[in-house]
C-alpha atoms as a PDB file:
ATOM      1  CA  MET A   1      10.736 -11.063  23.177  1.00  0.00           C
ATOM      2  CA  THR A   2      11.368 -13.068  26.141  1.00  0.00           C
ATOM      3  CA  PHE A   3       8.536 -11.142  28.712  1.00  0.00           C
ATOM      4  CA  LEU A   4       5.836 -11.262  25.859  1.00  0.00           C
ATOM      5  CA  ARG A   5       6.656 -15.422  25.504  1.00  0.00           C
ATOM      6  CA  ASP A   6       6.123 -15.671  29.403  1.00  0.00           C
ATOM      7  CA  GLY A   7       3.190 -13.812  28.923  1.00  0.00           C
ATOM      8  CA  LEU A   8       2.209 -15.392  26.794  1.00  0.00           C
ATOM      9  CA  GLY A   9       2.489 -18.821  27.998  1.00  0.00           C
ATOM     10  CA  ARG A  10       0.837 -18.017  30.710  1.00  0.00           C
ATOM     11  CA  ALA A  11      -2.469 -16.516  29.385  1.00  0.00           C
ATOM     12  CA  ARG A  12      -1.873 -19.876  27.579  1.00  0.00           C
ATOM     13  CA  ILE A  13      -1.814 -18.770  24.038  1.00  0.00           C
ATOM     14  CA  ALA A  14      -0.947 -21.582  21.129  1.00  0.00           C
ATOM     15  CA  GLY A  15       1.921 -20.421  19.301  1.00  0.00           C
ATOM     16  CA  GLY A  16       2.471 -16.953  20.842  1.00  0.00           C
ATOM     17  CA  VAL A  17       5.810 -16.067  20.096  1.00  0.00           C
ATOM     18  CA  GLN A  18       4.838 -17.284  17.083  1.00  0.00           C
ATOM     19  CA  ASN A  19       1.843 -14.626  16.180  1.00  0.00           C
ATOM     20  CA  VAL A  20       3.941 -12.457  18.387  1.00  0.00           C
ATOM     21  CA  ALA A  21       6.859 -12.055  16.119  1.00  0.00           C
ATOM     22  CA  THR A  22       4.354 -12.887  12.579  1.00  0.00           C
ATOM     23  CA  GLY A  23       2.767  -9.351  13.656  1.00  0.00           C
ATOM     24  CA  TYR A  24       5.390  -7.499  14.582  1.00  0.00           C
ATOM     25  CA  VAL A  25       7.193  -7.517  10.942  1.00  0.00           C
ATOM     26  CA  THR A  26       3.747  -7.177   9.250  1.00  0.00           C
ATOM     27  CA  THR A  27       3.681  -3.926  11.003  1.00  0.00           C
ATOM     28  CA  LEU A  28       7.196  -3.236   9.810  1.00  0.00           C
ATOM     29  CA  VAL A  29       6.920  -3.579   6.447  1.00  0.00           C
ATOM     30  CA  LEU A  30       2.683  -1.530   6.441  1.00  0.00           C
ATOM     31  CA  ARG A  31       3.801   1.380   7.779  1.00  0.00           C
ATOM     32  CA  SER A  32       7.816   1.795   7.578  1.00  0.00           C
ATOM     33  CA  ALA A  33       8.422   0.062   3.936  1.00  0.00           C
ATOM     34  CA  PHE A  34       6.976   3.341   1.960  1.00  0.00           C
ATOM     35  CA  THR A  35       7.566   5.684   4.115  1.00  0.00           C
ATOM     36  CA  ALA A  36      10.934   4.590   4.088  1.00  0.00           C
ATOM     37  CA  ILE A  37      12.413   6.543   1.576  1.00  0.00           C
ATOM     38  CA  PRO A  38      12.070  10.476   1.941  1.00  0.00           C
ATOM     39  CA  VAL A  39      10.381  11.280  -1.203  1.00  0.00           C
ATOM     40  CA  GLU A  40       9.982  14.647   0.094  1.00  0.00           C
ATOM     41  CA  ARG A  41      13.243  15.275  -1.619  1.00  0.00           C
ATOM     42  CA  LEU A  42      13.063  13.959  -4.356  1.00  0.00           C
ATOM     43  CA  GLY A  43      12.984  17.608  -6.440  1.00  0.00           C
ATOM     44  CA  GLU A  44      16.003  18.611  -4.465  1.00  0.00           C
ATOM     45  CA  PRO A  45      19.522  18.697  -5.340  1.00  0.00           C
ATOM     46  CA  VAL A  46      21.526  16.216  -6.157  1.00  0.00           C
ATOM     47  CA  THR A  47      24.465  16.105  -3.257  1.00  0.00           C
ATOM     48  CA  ALA A  48      26.719  13.582  -2.257  1.00  0.00           C
ATOM     49  CA  GLU A  49      25.296  14.060   1.519  1.00  0.00           C
ATOM     50  CA  LEU A  50      21.346  13.793  -0.424  1.00  0.00           C
ATOM     51  CA  HIS A  51      22.712   9.955  -2.837  1.00  0.00           C
ATOM     52  CA  GLU A  52      23.774   8.527   1.033  1.00  0.00           C
ATOM     53  CA  LEU A  53      20.934   9.242   2.066  1.00  0.00           C
ATOM     54  CA  PHE A  54      18.216   7.457  -0.567  1.00  0.00           C
ATOM     55  CA  ARG A  55      20.997   4.253  -0.590  1.00  0.00           C
ATOM     56  CA  LYS A  56      20.981   4.000   3.369  1.00  0.00           C
ATOM     57  CA  ARG A  57      17.314   4.695   2.969  1.00  0.00           C
ATOM     58  CA  VAL A  58      16.393   1.886  -0.313  1.00  0.00           C
ATOM     59  CA  GLY A  59      18.214  -0.759   1.280  1.00  0.00           C
ATOM     60  CA  LEU A  60      16.543   0.012   5.175  1.00  0.00           C
ATOM     61  CA  ALA A  61      13.044  -0.543   1.853  1.00  0.00           C
ATOM     62  CA  ARG A  62      14.113  -3.187   0.312  1.00  0.00           C
ATOM     63  CA  PHE A  63      15.517  -4.954   3.964  1.00  0.00           C
ATOM     64  CA  ILE A  64      11.887  -5.090   5.236  1.00  0.00           C
ATOM     65  CA  ALA A  65      10.088  -5.931   2.149  1.00  0.00           C
ATOM     66  CA  ASP A  66      11.925  -8.235   2.203  1.00  0.00           C
ATOM     67  CA  LEU A  67      10.851  -9.375   5.823  1.00  0.00           C
ATOM     68  CA  GLY A  68       7.467  -9.138   4.435  1.00  0.00           C
ATOM     69  CA  LEU A  69       8.334 -11.138   1.604  1.00  0.00           C
ATOM     70  CA  ALA A  70       9.563 -13.886   4.110  1.00  0.00           C
ATOM     71  CA  LEU A  71       6.145 -14.189   6.274  1.00  0.00           C
END
């Protein structure tokens, strides 16, 4: 993040670091929150491995959604 801050400072862009952070989180939310859950595997038989995968991925989706809500 330092190189971004330094570059934005040289370009004299006001609020540069905050704009970069907000843009990053916005992109993360839009691209990743809904694709984190492996919906293509919903029709498979439930196994311990599949249950664990969904548990982790739903947690990831929740984390990303919470980042978006904090914008």
